N, C-alpha and C. Protein backbone atom coordinates (compact mmCIF):
# COMPACT_ATOMS: atom_id res chain seq x y z
N MET A 1 0.82 -1.21 0.00
CA MET A 1 0.00 0.00 0.00
C MET A 1 0.86 1.27 0.00
N GLN A 2 1.87 1.27 0.87
CA GLN A 2 2.68 2.48 1.02
C GLN A 2 3.45 2.78 -0.26
N GLY A 3 3.45 4.05 -0.62
CA GLY A 3 4.17 4.47 -1.81
C GLY A 3 3.42 4.22 -3.09
N ARG A 4 2.24 3.57 -2.98
CA ARG A 4 1.45 3.28 -4.17
C ARG A 4 0.06 3.88 -4.09
N TYR A 5 -0.63 3.62 -2.98
CA TYR A 5 -1.98 4.17 -2.79
C TYR A 5 -2.04 5.17 -1.63
N ILE A 6 -1.12 5.05 -0.71
CA ILE A 6 -1.01 5.97 0.42
C ILE A 6 0.45 6.36 0.58
N PRO A 7 0.74 7.51 1.19
CA PRO A 7 2.14 7.90 1.39
C PRO A 7 2.85 6.91 2.33
N ARG A 8 4.16 6.85 2.19
CA ARG A 8 4.96 6.03 3.11
C ARG A 8 5.00 6.68 4.50
N LEU A 9 4.89 5.85 5.50
CA LEU A 9 5.04 6.33 6.86
C LEU A 9 6.50 6.21 7.25
N LEU A 10 7.06 7.28 7.81
CA LEU A 10 8.49 7.32 8.09
C LEU A 10 8.81 7.13 9.56
N ALA A 11 8.03 7.75 10.45
CA ALA A 11 8.33 7.66 11.87
C ALA A 11 7.15 8.11 12.70
N GLN A 12 7.14 7.68 13.95
CA GLN A 12 6.16 8.15 14.93
C GLN A 12 6.86 9.17 15.81
N VAL A 13 6.23 10.30 16.03
CA VAL A 13 6.88 11.38 16.75
C VAL A 13 5.98 11.92 17.86
N TYR A 14 6.59 12.64 18.80
CA TYR A 14 5.86 13.32 19.86
C TYR A 14 6.42 14.74 20.01
N LEU A 15 5.53 15.69 20.08
CA LEU A 15 5.90 17.08 20.36
C LEU A 15 5.77 17.30 21.86
N THR A 16 6.88 17.58 22.51
CA THR A 16 6.90 17.78 23.95
C THR A 16 6.99 19.27 24.25
N VAL A 17 6.08 19.77 25.03
CA VAL A 17 5.99 21.20 25.33
C VAL A 17 6.02 21.40 26.83
N GLU A 18 6.79 22.38 27.28
CA GLU A 18 6.83 22.72 28.70
C GLU A 18 5.87 23.85 28.97
N ASN A 19 5.03 23.70 29.95
CA ASN A 19 4.05 24.72 30.32
C ASN A 19 4.51 25.44 31.56
N ASP A 20 4.97 26.69 31.41
CA ASP A 20 5.45 27.49 32.53
C ASP A 20 4.50 28.62 32.88
N ASP A 21 3.26 28.55 32.40
CA ASP A 21 2.33 29.65 32.63
C ASP A 21 2.13 29.94 34.11
N ASN A 22 2.13 28.87 34.89
CA ASN A 22 1.85 29.06 36.30
C ASN A 22 3.11 28.98 37.16
N HIS A 23 4.26 28.84 36.53
CA HIS A 23 5.49 28.66 37.29
C HIS A 23 5.84 29.90 38.11
N ASN A 24 5.79 31.07 37.47
CA ASN A 24 6.19 32.30 38.16
C ASN A 24 5.14 32.79 39.14
N ASN A 25 3.87 32.43 38.89
CA ASN A 25 2.80 32.93 39.75
C ASN A 25 2.62 32.12 41.01
N ASP A 26 3.26 30.95 41.08
CA ASP A 26 3.01 30.06 42.21
C ASP A 26 4.26 29.85 43.06
N ASN A 27 5.20 30.80 43.02
CA ASN A 27 6.43 30.64 43.78
C ASN A 27 6.18 30.58 45.28
N ASP A 28 5.11 31.25 45.73
CA ASP A 28 4.82 31.28 47.15
C ASP A 28 3.97 30.12 47.61
N LYS A 29 3.64 29.20 46.67
CA LYS A 29 2.81 28.06 47.02
C LYS A 29 3.64 26.81 47.13
N ASP A 30 3.25 25.96 48.02
CA ASP A 30 3.87 24.66 48.13
C ASP A 30 3.36 23.77 47.01
N ASP A 31 4.23 22.88 46.49
CA ASP A 31 3.81 22.02 45.38
C ASP A 31 2.59 21.19 45.71
N HIS A 32 2.39 20.90 47.00
CA HIS A 32 1.23 20.10 47.38
C HIS A 32 -0.07 20.87 47.22
N ASP A 33 0.03 22.22 47.19
CA ASP A 33 -1.16 23.04 47.06
C ASP A 33 -1.54 23.29 45.61
N ILE A 34 -0.69 22.84 44.70
CA ILE A 34 -0.94 23.08 43.27
C ILE A 34 -1.51 21.81 42.66
N SER A 35 -2.55 21.97 41.84
CA SER A 35 -3.18 20.81 41.22
C SER A 35 -2.17 20.10 40.32
N PRO A 36 -2.34 18.79 40.11
CA PRO A 36 -1.39 18.03 39.29
C PRO A 36 -1.19 18.61 37.90
N LEU A 37 -2.25 19.24 37.36
CA LEU A 37 -2.13 19.80 36.01
C LEU A 37 -1.27 21.05 35.97
N HIS A 38 -1.03 21.68 37.12
CA HIS A 38 -0.28 22.93 37.13
C HIS A 38 1.02 22.83 37.91
N ARG A 39 1.40 21.65 38.36
CA ARG A 39 2.68 21.51 39.02
C ARG A 39 3.80 21.78 38.05
N ARG A 40 4.87 22.36 38.48
CA ARG A 40 5.94 22.77 37.61
C ARG A 40 7.12 21.80 37.71
N PRO A 41 7.82 21.50 36.67
CA PRO A 41 7.37 21.82 35.31
C PRO A 41 6.36 20.78 34.82
N PHE A 42 5.44 21.21 33.98
CA PHE A 42 4.41 20.30 33.45
C PHE A 42 4.71 20.04 31.99
N TYR A 43 4.85 18.76 31.66
CA TYR A 43 5.11 18.37 30.28
C TYR A 43 3.93 17.59 29.72
N PHE A 44 3.61 17.81 28.49
CA PHE A 44 2.63 16.98 27.82
C PHE A 44 3.12 16.70 26.41
N ARG A 45 2.71 15.57 25.88
CA ARG A 45 3.18 15.15 24.57
C ARG A 45 2.03 15.11 23.58
N VAL A 46 2.28 15.66 22.40
CA VAL A 46 1.30 15.64 21.31
C VAL A 46 1.79 14.61 20.29
N PRO A 47 1.08 13.47 20.15
CA PRO A 47 1.56 12.43 19.24
C PRO A 47 1.31 12.79 17.78
N GLY A 48 2.14 12.28 16.92
CA GLY A 48 1.97 12.50 15.49
C GLY A 48 2.79 11.50 14.70
N ILE A 49 2.70 11.59 13.39
CA ILE A 49 3.47 10.72 12.50
C ILE A 49 4.10 11.57 11.41
N LEU A 50 5.25 11.11 10.92
CA LEU A 50 5.89 11.72 9.76
C LEU A 50 5.61 10.84 8.55
N VAL A 51 5.07 11.44 7.50
CA VAL A 51 4.74 10.69 6.30
C VAL A 51 5.45 11.30 5.10
N GLU A 52 5.52 10.52 4.06
CA GLU A 52 6.12 10.97 2.81
C GLU A 52 5.42 12.22 2.29
N TYR A 53 6.20 13.20 1.85
CA TYR A 53 5.64 14.43 1.30
C TYR A 53 5.23 14.19 -0.15
N ILE A 54 3.99 14.53 -0.45
CA ILE A 54 3.48 14.40 -1.82
C ILE A 54 3.43 15.79 -2.45
N ASP A 55 4.32 16.02 -3.39
CA ASP A 55 4.39 17.31 -4.07
C ASP A 55 3.35 17.31 -5.18
N GLY A 56 2.24 17.99 -4.94
CA GLY A 56 1.20 17.99 -5.95
C GLY A 56 0.03 18.87 -5.57
N PHE A 57 -1.18 18.42 -5.91
CA PHE A 57 -2.37 19.22 -5.69
C PHE A 57 -3.51 18.32 -5.26
N SER A 58 -4.52 18.91 -4.66
CA SER A 58 -5.68 18.15 -4.21
C SER A 58 -6.51 17.70 -5.42
N LEU A 59 -7.01 16.49 -5.35
CA LEU A 59 -7.83 15.98 -6.45
C LEU A 59 -9.04 16.87 -6.70
N THR A 60 -9.57 17.48 -5.66
CA THR A 60 -10.76 18.32 -5.82
C THR A 60 -10.49 19.53 -6.70
N ASP A 61 -9.21 19.89 -6.86
CA ASP A 61 -8.83 21.04 -7.70
C ASP A 61 -8.37 20.61 -9.10
N LEU A 62 -8.65 19.39 -9.47
CA LEU A 62 -8.17 18.87 -10.75
C LEU A 62 -8.58 19.75 -11.92
N GLY A 63 -9.84 20.19 -11.95
CA GLY A 63 -10.33 20.96 -13.09
C GLY A 63 -9.81 22.37 -13.17
N THR A 64 -9.20 22.86 -12.08
CA THR A 64 -8.71 24.24 -12.06
C THR A 64 -7.19 24.33 -11.92
N THR A 65 -6.52 23.18 -11.89
CA THR A 65 -5.06 23.17 -11.76
C THR A 65 -4.43 23.34 -13.14
N PRO A 66 -3.59 24.35 -13.33
CA PRO A 66 -3.00 24.58 -14.66
C PRO A 66 -1.99 23.50 -15.03
N ASP A 67 -1.74 23.39 -16.33
CA ASP A 67 -0.72 22.50 -16.90
C ASP A 67 -1.05 21.01 -16.76
N ILE A 68 -2.29 20.66 -16.41
CA ILE A 68 -2.70 19.26 -16.37
C ILE A 68 -3.60 19.03 -17.58
N PRO A 69 -3.15 18.26 -18.58
CA PRO A 69 -3.95 18.06 -19.79
C PRO A 69 -5.31 17.45 -19.49
N ARG A 70 -6.32 17.93 -20.17
CA ARG A 70 -7.67 17.39 -19.97
C ARG A 70 -7.74 15.91 -20.32
N SER A 71 -6.89 15.48 -21.22
CA SER A 71 -6.88 14.08 -21.63
C SER A 71 -6.47 13.16 -20.48
N LYS A 72 -5.85 13.73 -19.44
CA LYS A 72 -5.39 12.93 -18.29
C LYS A 72 -6.40 12.89 -17.15
N TRP A 73 -7.40 13.76 -17.19
CA TRP A 73 -8.31 13.90 -16.05
C TRP A 73 -9.03 12.61 -15.72
N HIS A 74 -9.60 11.97 -16.71
CA HIS A 74 -10.38 10.76 -16.44
C HIS A 74 -9.49 9.67 -15.85
N GLY A 75 -8.30 9.50 -16.37
CA GLY A 75 -7.38 8.48 -15.86
C GLY A 75 -6.99 8.73 -14.41
N ILE A 76 -6.79 9.99 -14.06
CA ILE A 76 -6.42 10.33 -12.68
C ILE A 76 -7.56 9.98 -11.73
N ILE A 77 -8.78 10.34 -12.13
CA ILE A 77 -9.95 10.04 -11.29
C ILE A 77 -10.14 8.53 -11.17
N GLN A 78 -9.96 7.80 -12.27
CA GLN A 78 -10.11 6.35 -12.24
C GLN A 78 -9.08 5.72 -11.30
N GLN A 79 -7.85 6.20 -11.35
CA GLN A 79 -6.81 5.67 -10.46
C GLN A 79 -7.15 5.93 -9.00
N ALA A 80 -7.69 7.12 -8.71
CA ALA A 80 -8.05 7.46 -7.33
C ALA A 80 -9.18 6.57 -6.83
N ALA A 81 -10.16 6.30 -7.70
CA ALA A 81 -11.26 5.40 -7.32
C ALA A 81 -10.75 3.97 -7.14
N ASP A 82 -9.85 3.54 -8.01
CA ASP A 82 -9.27 2.20 -7.89
C ASP A 82 -8.48 2.07 -6.59
N ALA A 83 -7.75 3.13 -6.21
CA ALA A 83 -6.99 3.10 -4.96
C ALA A 83 -7.92 2.93 -3.77
N ALA A 84 -9.09 3.58 -3.82
CA ALA A 84 -10.08 3.41 -2.75
C ALA A 84 -10.53 1.95 -2.67
N ARG A 85 -10.70 1.31 -3.83
CA ARG A 85 -11.10 -0.11 -3.84
C ARG A 85 -10.01 -0.98 -3.24
N TYR A 86 -8.75 -0.72 -3.58
CA TYR A 86 -7.67 -1.55 -3.06
C TYR A 86 -7.53 -1.37 -1.54
N ILE A 87 -7.78 -0.18 -1.05
CA ILE A 87 -7.77 0.05 0.40
C ILE A 87 -8.89 -0.74 1.05
N ASN A 88 -10.07 -0.75 0.42
CA ASN A 88 -11.17 -1.58 0.91
C ASN A 88 -10.79 -3.06 0.90
N ASP A 89 -10.13 -3.49 -0.15
CA ASP A 89 -9.72 -4.89 -0.26
C ASP A 89 -8.75 -5.28 0.85
N ALA A 90 -8.02 -4.30 1.38
CA ALA A 90 -7.10 -4.56 2.48
C ALA A 90 -7.83 -4.63 3.82
N GLY A 91 -9.16 -4.46 3.79
CA GLY A 91 -9.94 -4.57 5.02
C GLY A 91 -10.18 -3.26 5.72
N VAL A 92 -10.12 -2.15 4.98
CA VAL A 92 -10.28 -0.82 5.58
C VAL A 92 -11.32 -0.03 4.81
N ILE A 93 -12.26 0.57 5.53
CA ILE A 93 -13.24 1.48 4.95
C ILE A 93 -12.97 2.87 5.51
N ASN A 94 -12.73 3.81 4.63
CA ASN A 94 -12.47 5.18 5.06
C ASN A 94 -13.81 5.91 5.23
N ASP A 95 -14.09 6.34 6.45
CA ASP A 95 -15.37 7.02 6.71
C ASP A 95 -15.33 8.48 6.30
N ASP A 96 -14.17 8.96 5.84
CA ASP A 96 -14.05 10.34 5.37
C ASP A 96 -13.38 10.35 4.00
N CYS A 97 -13.86 9.48 3.13
CA CYS A 97 -13.28 9.37 1.80
C CYS A 97 -13.88 10.44 0.90
N GLN A 98 -13.07 11.43 0.53
CA GLN A 98 -13.52 12.55 -0.29
C GLN A 98 -12.38 12.98 -1.20
N PRO A 99 -12.69 13.64 -2.32
CA PRO A 99 -11.63 14.10 -3.22
C PRO A 99 -10.61 15.02 -2.53
N ARG A 100 -11.04 15.79 -1.55
CA ARG A 100 -10.10 16.69 -0.87
C ARG A 100 -9.07 15.92 -0.04
N ASN A 101 -9.33 14.64 0.22
CA ASN A 101 -8.39 13.81 0.96
C ASN A 101 -7.55 12.93 0.04
N VAL A 102 -7.45 13.35 -1.21
CA VAL A 102 -6.59 12.66 -2.18
C VAL A 102 -5.63 13.70 -2.77
N MET A 103 -4.34 13.40 -2.72
CA MET A 103 -3.34 14.26 -3.33
C MET A 103 -2.84 13.62 -4.61
N VAL A 104 -2.69 14.43 -5.65
CA VAL A 104 -2.18 13.95 -6.93
C VAL A 104 -0.74 14.42 -7.07
N GLN A 105 0.17 13.49 -7.16
CA GLN A 105 1.58 13.82 -7.30
C GLN A 105 1.81 14.47 -8.66
N ARG A 106 2.43 15.63 -8.65
CA ARG A 106 2.56 16.40 -9.89
C ARG A 106 3.49 15.72 -10.89
N GLU A 107 4.53 15.06 -10.41
CA GLU A 107 5.54 14.49 -11.31
C GLU A 107 4.96 13.42 -12.23
N ASN A 108 4.17 12.49 -11.66
CA ASN A 108 3.65 11.39 -12.48
C ASN A 108 2.13 11.29 -12.46
N LEU A 109 1.46 12.29 -11.84
CA LEU A 109 0.00 12.35 -11.78
C LEU A 109 -0.60 11.13 -11.08
N GLN A 110 0.11 10.61 -10.10
CA GLN A 110 -0.38 9.47 -9.34
C GLN A 110 -1.14 9.96 -8.10
N PRO A 111 -2.37 9.49 -7.87
CA PRO A 111 -3.15 9.92 -6.70
C PRO A 111 -2.79 9.10 -5.45
N PHE A 112 -2.78 9.77 -4.30
CA PHE A 112 -2.52 9.14 -3.01
C PHE A 112 -3.64 9.54 -2.04
N HIS A 113 -4.20 8.57 -1.34
CA HIS A 113 -5.15 8.86 -0.28
C HIS A 113 -4.36 9.24 0.97
N ILE A 114 -4.66 10.40 1.55
CA ILE A 114 -3.78 10.94 2.59
C ILE A 114 -4.42 11.00 3.97
N ASP A 115 -5.71 10.83 4.10
CA ASP A 115 -6.36 10.99 5.41
C ASP A 115 -7.12 9.71 5.76
N LEU A 116 -6.57 8.95 6.72
CA LEU A 116 -7.20 7.70 7.13
C LEU A 116 -7.48 7.72 8.63
N ALA A 117 -7.82 8.89 9.13
CA ALA A 117 -8.05 9.03 10.57
C ALA A 117 -9.37 8.42 11.02
N GLN A 118 -10.34 8.36 10.12
CA GLN A 118 -11.66 7.82 10.47
C GLN A 118 -11.93 6.58 9.61
N CYS A 119 -11.67 5.42 10.19
CA CYS A 119 -11.76 4.18 9.42
C CYS A 119 -12.49 3.09 10.18
N PHE A 120 -13.05 2.15 9.42
CA PHE A 120 -13.62 0.91 9.95
C PHE A 120 -12.77 -0.24 9.43
N PHE A 121 -12.62 -1.31 10.26
CA PHE A 121 -11.77 -2.42 9.91
C PHE A 121 -12.57 -3.72 9.85
N SER A 122 -12.23 -4.56 8.88
CA SER A 122 -12.91 -5.85 8.76
C SER A 122 -12.67 -6.72 9.98
N ASP A 123 -11.51 -6.60 10.60
CA ASP A 123 -11.21 -7.38 11.81
C ASP A 123 -12.18 -7.07 12.93
N ASP A 124 -12.61 -5.81 13.00
CA ASP A 124 -13.51 -5.39 14.08
C ASP A 124 -14.97 -5.68 13.74
N LEU A 125 -15.33 -5.55 12.47
CA LEU A 125 -16.73 -5.64 12.07
C LEU A 125 -17.16 -7.05 11.69
N GLY A 126 -16.23 -7.87 11.26
CA GLY A 126 -16.60 -9.16 10.69
C GLY A 126 -16.88 -9.00 9.20
N TRP A 127 -16.74 -10.07 8.45
CA TRP A 127 -16.81 -9.99 7.00
C TRP A 127 -18.18 -9.54 6.48
N LYS A 128 -19.24 -10.09 7.07
CA LYS A 128 -20.58 -9.80 6.54
C LYS A 128 -20.91 -8.32 6.70
N TYR A 129 -20.76 -7.80 7.93
CA TYR A 129 -21.11 -6.40 8.15
C TYR A 129 -20.14 -5.48 7.43
N PHE A 130 -18.88 -5.91 7.32
CA PHE A 130 -17.91 -5.10 6.58
C PHE A 130 -18.36 -4.91 5.13
N GLY A 131 -18.84 -6.00 4.51
CA GLY A 131 -19.33 -5.91 3.13
C GLY A 131 -20.51 -4.99 3.01
N GLU A 132 -21.45 -5.06 3.97
CA GLU A 132 -22.62 -4.19 3.94
C GLU A 132 -22.21 -2.72 4.10
N LEU A 133 -21.32 -2.48 5.03
CA LEU A 133 -20.89 -1.11 5.28
C LEU A 133 -20.09 -0.56 4.10
N ARG A 134 -19.37 -1.43 3.44
CA ARG A 134 -18.60 -0.99 2.28
C ARG A 134 -19.51 -0.47 1.19
N TYR A 135 -20.63 -1.15 0.96
CA TYR A 135 -21.58 -0.68 -0.04
C TYR A 135 -22.21 0.64 0.38
N ARG A 136 -22.53 0.78 1.66
CA ARG A 136 -23.18 2.00 2.13
C ARG A 136 -22.24 3.20 2.07
N ARG A 137 -20.99 3.00 2.47
CA ARG A 137 -20.03 4.11 2.44
C ARG A 137 -19.57 4.40 1.02
N ASP A 138 -19.43 3.36 0.20
CA ASP A 138 -19.07 3.49 -1.22
C ASP A 138 -17.89 4.44 -1.43
N ASN A 139 -16.72 4.04 -0.94
CA ASN A 139 -15.53 4.86 -1.10
C ASN A 139 -15.18 5.13 -2.55
N GLN A 140 -15.43 4.15 -3.42
CA GLN A 140 -15.12 4.37 -4.84
C GLN A 140 -16.00 5.47 -5.43
N GLY A 141 -17.30 5.38 -5.17
CA GLY A 141 -18.21 6.39 -5.69
C GLY A 141 -17.99 7.75 -5.08
N ALA A 142 -17.53 7.77 -3.81
CA ALA A 142 -17.26 9.04 -3.14
C ALA A 142 -16.13 9.80 -3.82
N ILE A 143 -15.31 9.07 -4.56
CA ILE A 143 -14.25 9.71 -5.34
C ILE A 143 -14.70 9.91 -6.79
N GLY A 144 -15.08 8.82 -7.45
CA GLY A 144 -15.38 8.88 -8.88
C GLY A 144 -16.59 9.72 -9.23
N ALA A 145 -17.74 9.42 -8.61
CA ALA A 145 -18.97 10.13 -8.95
C ALA A 145 -18.88 11.61 -8.59
N ILE A 146 -18.31 11.90 -7.43
CA ILE A 146 -18.20 13.29 -6.99
C ILE A 146 -17.28 14.08 -7.92
N MET A 147 -16.18 13.47 -8.34
CA MET A 147 -15.24 14.19 -9.20
C MET A 147 -15.82 14.44 -10.59
N LEU A 148 -16.62 13.55 -11.12
CA LEU A 148 -17.25 13.80 -12.42
C LEU A 148 -18.15 15.03 -12.34
N VAL A 149 -18.87 15.16 -11.23
CA VAL A 149 -19.74 16.33 -11.05
C VAL A 149 -18.91 17.59 -10.88
N LYS A 150 -17.83 17.50 -10.08
CA LYS A 150 -16.98 18.67 -9.85
C LYS A 150 -16.36 19.18 -11.14
N VAL A 151 -15.82 18.26 -11.94
CA VAL A 151 -15.18 18.67 -13.19
C VAL A 151 -16.19 19.30 -14.13
N LYS A 152 -17.39 18.75 -14.21
CA LYS A 152 -18.42 19.33 -15.07
C LYS A 152 -18.80 20.74 -14.62
N ARG A 153 -18.90 20.94 -13.31
CA ARG A 153 -19.24 22.26 -12.79
C ARG A 153 -18.10 23.25 -13.00
N GLN A 154 -16.85 22.77 -12.86
CA GLN A 154 -15.71 23.67 -12.97
C GLN A 154 -15.40 24.04 -14.41
N THR A 155 -15.58 23.10 -15.33
CA THR A 155 -15.12 23.31 -16.71
C THR A 155 -16.20 23.11 -17.76
N GLY A 156 -17.33 22.50 -17.39
CA GLY A 156 -18.36 22.19 -18.37
C GLY A 156 -18.09 20.91 -19.15
N LEU A 157 -16.96 20.24 -18.85
CA LEU A 157 -16.59 19.03 -19.56
C LEU A 157 -17.26 17.81 -18.91
N ARG A 158 -17.88 16.99 -19.74
CA ARG A 158 -18.51 15.76 -19.25
C ARG A 158 -17.56 14.59 -19.53
N LEU A 159 -16.98 14.05 -18.47
CA LEU A 159 -16.03 12.95 -18.61
C LEU A 159 -16.77 11.61 -18.69
N PRO A 160 -16.13 10.59 -19.27
CA PRO A 160 -16.74 9.25 -19.30
C PRO A 160 -16.96 8.72 -17.88
N GLU A 161 -17.88 7.79 -17.75
CA GLU A 161 -18.18 7.22 -16.44
C GLU A 161 -16.97 6.47 -15.88
N ILE A 162 -16.90 6.44 -14.56
CA ILE A 162 -15.83 5.73 -13.87
C ILE A 162 -16.26 4.27 -13.66
N ARG A 163 -15.33 3.37 -13.84
CA ARG A 163 -15.60 1.94 -13.61
C ARG A 163 -15.41 1.60 -12.14
N TYR A 164 -16.34 0.83 -11.59
CA TYR A 164 -16.26 0.42 -10.19
C TYR A 164 -16.26 -1.10 -10.11
N SER A 165 -15.61 -1.61 -9.08
CA SER A 165 -15.56 -3.05 -8.85
C SER A 165 -15.78 -3.32 -7.38
N TYR A 166 -16.72 -4.23 -7.07
CA TYR A 166 -17.05 -4.54 -5.68
C TYR A 166 -16.93 -6.04 -5.45
N ARG A 167 -16.27 -6.37 -4.37
CA ARG A 167 -16.11 -7.77 -3.98
C ARG A 167 -17.27 -8.18 -3.07
N ASN A 168 -17.76 -9.40 -3.24
CA ASN A 168 -18.85 -9.90 -2.40
C ASN A 168 -18.27 -10.37 -1.07
N TRP A 169 -18.16 -9.44 -0.12
CA TRP A 169 -17.50 -9.75 1.15
C TRP A 169 -18.31 -10.70 2.01
N GLY A 170 -19.63 -10.64 1.93
CA GLY A 170 -20.44 -11.55 2.72
C GLY A 170 -20.20 -12.99 2.32
N ARG A 171 -20.23 -13.26 1.02
CA ARG A 171 -20.00 -14.62 0.53
C ARG A 171 -18.56 -15.05 0.78
N LEU A 172 -17.62 -14.14 0.55
CA LEU A 172 -16.21 -14.46 0.77
C LEU A 172 -15.95 -14.78 2.24
N GLY A 173 -16.57 -13.99 3.13
CA GLY A 173 -16.37 -14.24 4.55
C GLY A 173 -16.93 -15.58 4.98
N ALA A 174 -18.08 -15.98 4.41
CA ALA A 174 -18.67 -17.27 4.75
C ALA A 174 -17.76 -18.41 4.31
N ILE A 175 -17.17 -18.29 3.12
CA ILE A 175 -16.25 -19.32 2.63
C ILE A 175 -15.04 -19.43 3.53
N LEU A 176 -14.44 -18.29 3.87
CA LEU A 176 -13.24 -18.30 4.70
C LEU A 176 -13.55 -18.77 6.12
N SER A 177 -14.75 -18.51 6.60
CA SER A 177 -15.14 -18.98 7.92
C SER A 177 -15.15 -20.50 7.95
N ARG A 178 -15.68 -21.12 6.89
CA ARG A 178 -15.70 -22.57 6.83
C ARG A 178 -14.28 -23.14 6.74
N VAL A 179 -13.42 -22.46 5.98
CA VAL A 179 -12.03 -22.89 5.87
C VAL A 179 -11.35 -22.81 7.23
N SER A 180 -11.61 -21.73 7.97
CA SER A 180 -10.96 -21.54 9.27
C SER A 180 -11.39 -22.61 10.26
N MET A 181 -12.65 -23.04 10.19
CA MET A 181 -13.13 -24.06 11.12
C MET A 181 -12.46 -25.40 10.85
N VAL A 182 -12.11 -25.66 9.58
CA VAL A 182 -11.44 -26.91 9.22
C VAL A 182 -9.97 -26.87 9.60
N LEU A 183 -9.31 -25.75 9.25
CA LEU A 183 -7.86 -25.66 9.47
C LEU A 183 -7.50 -25.31 10.90
N MET A 184 -8.28 -24.42 11.52
CA MET A 184 -7.95 -23.92 12.85
C MET A 184 -9.22 -23.81 13.67
N PRO A 185 -9.75 -24.89 14.19
CA PRO A 185 -10.99 -24.84 14.96
C PRO A 185 -10.87 -23.88 16.14
N GLY A 186 -11.94 -23.13 16.36
CA GLY A 186 -11.95 -22.20 17.49
C GLY A 186 -11.56 -20.80 17.14
N LEU A 187 -11.02 -20.60 15.92
CA LEU A 187 -10.63 -19.26 15.50
C LEU A 187 -11.65 -18.75 14.50
N GLY A 188 -12.45 -17.76 14.87
CA GLY A 188 -13.42 -17.19 13.96
C GLY A 188 -12.74 -16.30 12.94
N ILE A 189 -13.40 -16.13 11.79
CA ILE A 189 -12.77 -15.33 10.74
C ILE A 189 -12.66 -13.88 11.15
N GLY A 190 -13.48 -13.44 12.11
CA GLY A 190 -13.38 -12.06 12.56
C GLY A 190 -12.35 -11.86 13.64
N SER A 191 -11.71 -12.94 14.08
CA SER A 191 -10.74 -12.84 15.16
C SER A 191 -9.46 -12.21 14.68
N ARG A 192 -8.81 -11.46 15.55
CA ARG A 192 -7.52 -10.88 15.20
C ARG A 192 -6.44 -11.94 15.10
N ARG A 193 -6.71 -13.15 15.61
CA ARG A 193 -5.72 -14.22 15.55
C ARG A 193 -5.79 -14.97 14.24
N SER A 194 -6.74 -14.64 13.39
CA SER A 194 -6.91 -15.40 12.15
C SER A 194 -6.44 -14.64 10.93
N HIS A 195 -5.40 -13.80 11.09
CA HIS A 195 -4.90 -13.00 9.97
C HIS A 195 -4.45 -13.86 8.80
N ALA A 196 -3.94 -15.06 9.10
CA ALA A 196 -3.42 -15.89 8.03
C ALA A 196 -4.49 -16.29 7.04
N LEU A 197 -5.76 -16.23 7.46
CA LEU A 197 -6.85 -16.63 6.58
C LEU A 197 -7.50 -15.46 5.87
N HIS A 198 -7.04 -14.27 6.14
CA HIS A 198 -7.63 -13.09 5.53
C HIS A 198 -6.99 -12.85 4.16
N LEU A 199 -7.82 -12.56 3.18
CA LEU A 199 -7.26 -12.16 1.88
C LEU A 199 -6.67 -10.78 1.94
N GLY A 200 -7.22 -9.93 2.81
CA GLY A 200 -6.70 -8.57 2.98
C GLY A 200 -6.49 -8.30 4.44
N SER A 201 -5.36 -7.70 4.77
CA SER A 201 -5.09 -7.36 6.16
C SER A 201 -5.56 -5.95 6.44
N SER A 202 -6.08 -5.73 7.64
CA SER A 202 -6.52 -4.39 7.98
C SER A 202 -5.37 -3.52 8.43
N GLN A 203 -4.17 -4.05 8.42
CA GLN A 203 -3.00 -3.25 8.77
C GLN A 203 -2.42 -2.67 7.49
N LEU A 204 -2.90 -1.50 7.10
CA LEU A 204 -2.44 -0.88 5.86
C LEU A 204 -0.94 -0.65 5.87
N PHE A 205 -0.41 -0.35 7.06
CA PHE A 205 0.98 0.05 7.14
C PHE A 205 1.84 -1.06 7.72
N ALA A 206 1.43 -2.31 7.52
CA ALA A 206 2.18 -3.41 8.09
C ALA A 206 3.51 -3.63 7.37
N HIS A 207 3.60 -3.16 6.13
CA HIS A 207 4.82 -3.35 5.36
C HIS A 207 5.22 -2.02 4.75
N GLY A 208 6.51 -1.84 4.59
CA GLY A 208 6.99 -0.63 3.94
C GLY A 208 8.24 -0.11 4.61
N ASP A 209 8.65 1.08 4.19
CA ASP A 209 9.89 1.66 4.69
C ASP A 209 9.63 2.41 5.97
N MET A 210 9.42 1.68 7.06
CA MET A 210 9.18 2.29 8.35
C MET A 210 10.44 2.20 9.19
N LYS A 211 10.57 3.12 10.11
CA LYS A 211 11.68 3.07 11.03
C LYS A 211 11.51 1.87 11.94
N GLU A 212 12.55 1.09 12.10
CA GLU A 212 12.46 -0.16 12.84
C GLU A 212 12.04 0.09 14.29
N GLY A 213 11.13 -0.74 14.76
CA GLY A 213 10.71 -0.68 16.16
C GLY A 213 9.53 0.22 16.42
N LEU A 214 9.00 0.90 15.41
CA LEU A 214 7.87 1.78 15.60
C LEU A 214 6.60 1.09 15.12
N ASP A 215 5.54 1.24 15.88
CA ASP A 215 4.27 0.56 15.57
C ASP A 215 3.33 1.52 14.86
N PHE A 216 3.01 1.19 13.59
CA PHE A 216 2.11 2.03 12.81
C PHE A 216 0.80 1.33 12.54
N SER A 217 0.50 0.26 13.25
CA SER A 217 -0.75 -0.46 12.98
C SER A 217 -1.93 0.42 13.32
N ILE A 218 -2.99 0.36 12.48
CA ILE A 218 -4.16 1.19 12.71
C ILE A 218 -5.40 0.32 12.74
């Protein structure tokens, strides 16, 4: 996934800040009289991640970005919709899948999905409900259908329809559940211990150029 449909994750970081707002005002107070949140010095950490920088533009601005040939627009949108499908195939549904959350790399016009903060996982939902939710959220249509409308409004150009592909997750989950009962009795297909039987892992960032020892599982 990394470097192809989503940016590469490089490291997990923390921003550490010292809060001295109350340090000078409480010199005459004993530390026991100061609440734990205001004892000096008070440190707190803001967690974050470092990801690959994508030099480009937001997909939502495709129709107004200069120097991008119109002949390339449909292909870019199709690739972005396909990337949403591959992310779904990995067992992840993005609950905030929108064109504004896709960056198009200027050098090769490759789209990357950049915001995966609000997601559902097949491991948590089970195969049947995951398939139902996938149809309802429709990550592919949230990219393809919306972008066709945006481009038409921005430029008046009517692009060809986007192709979509949906896997029957309910039927697939039932098949794999039967396989799991034969090979590994007691392990349900929705269990986190049954990753070996999953066609797609919900760990998008399980492989790639990550700094050793850092956990990027989502």
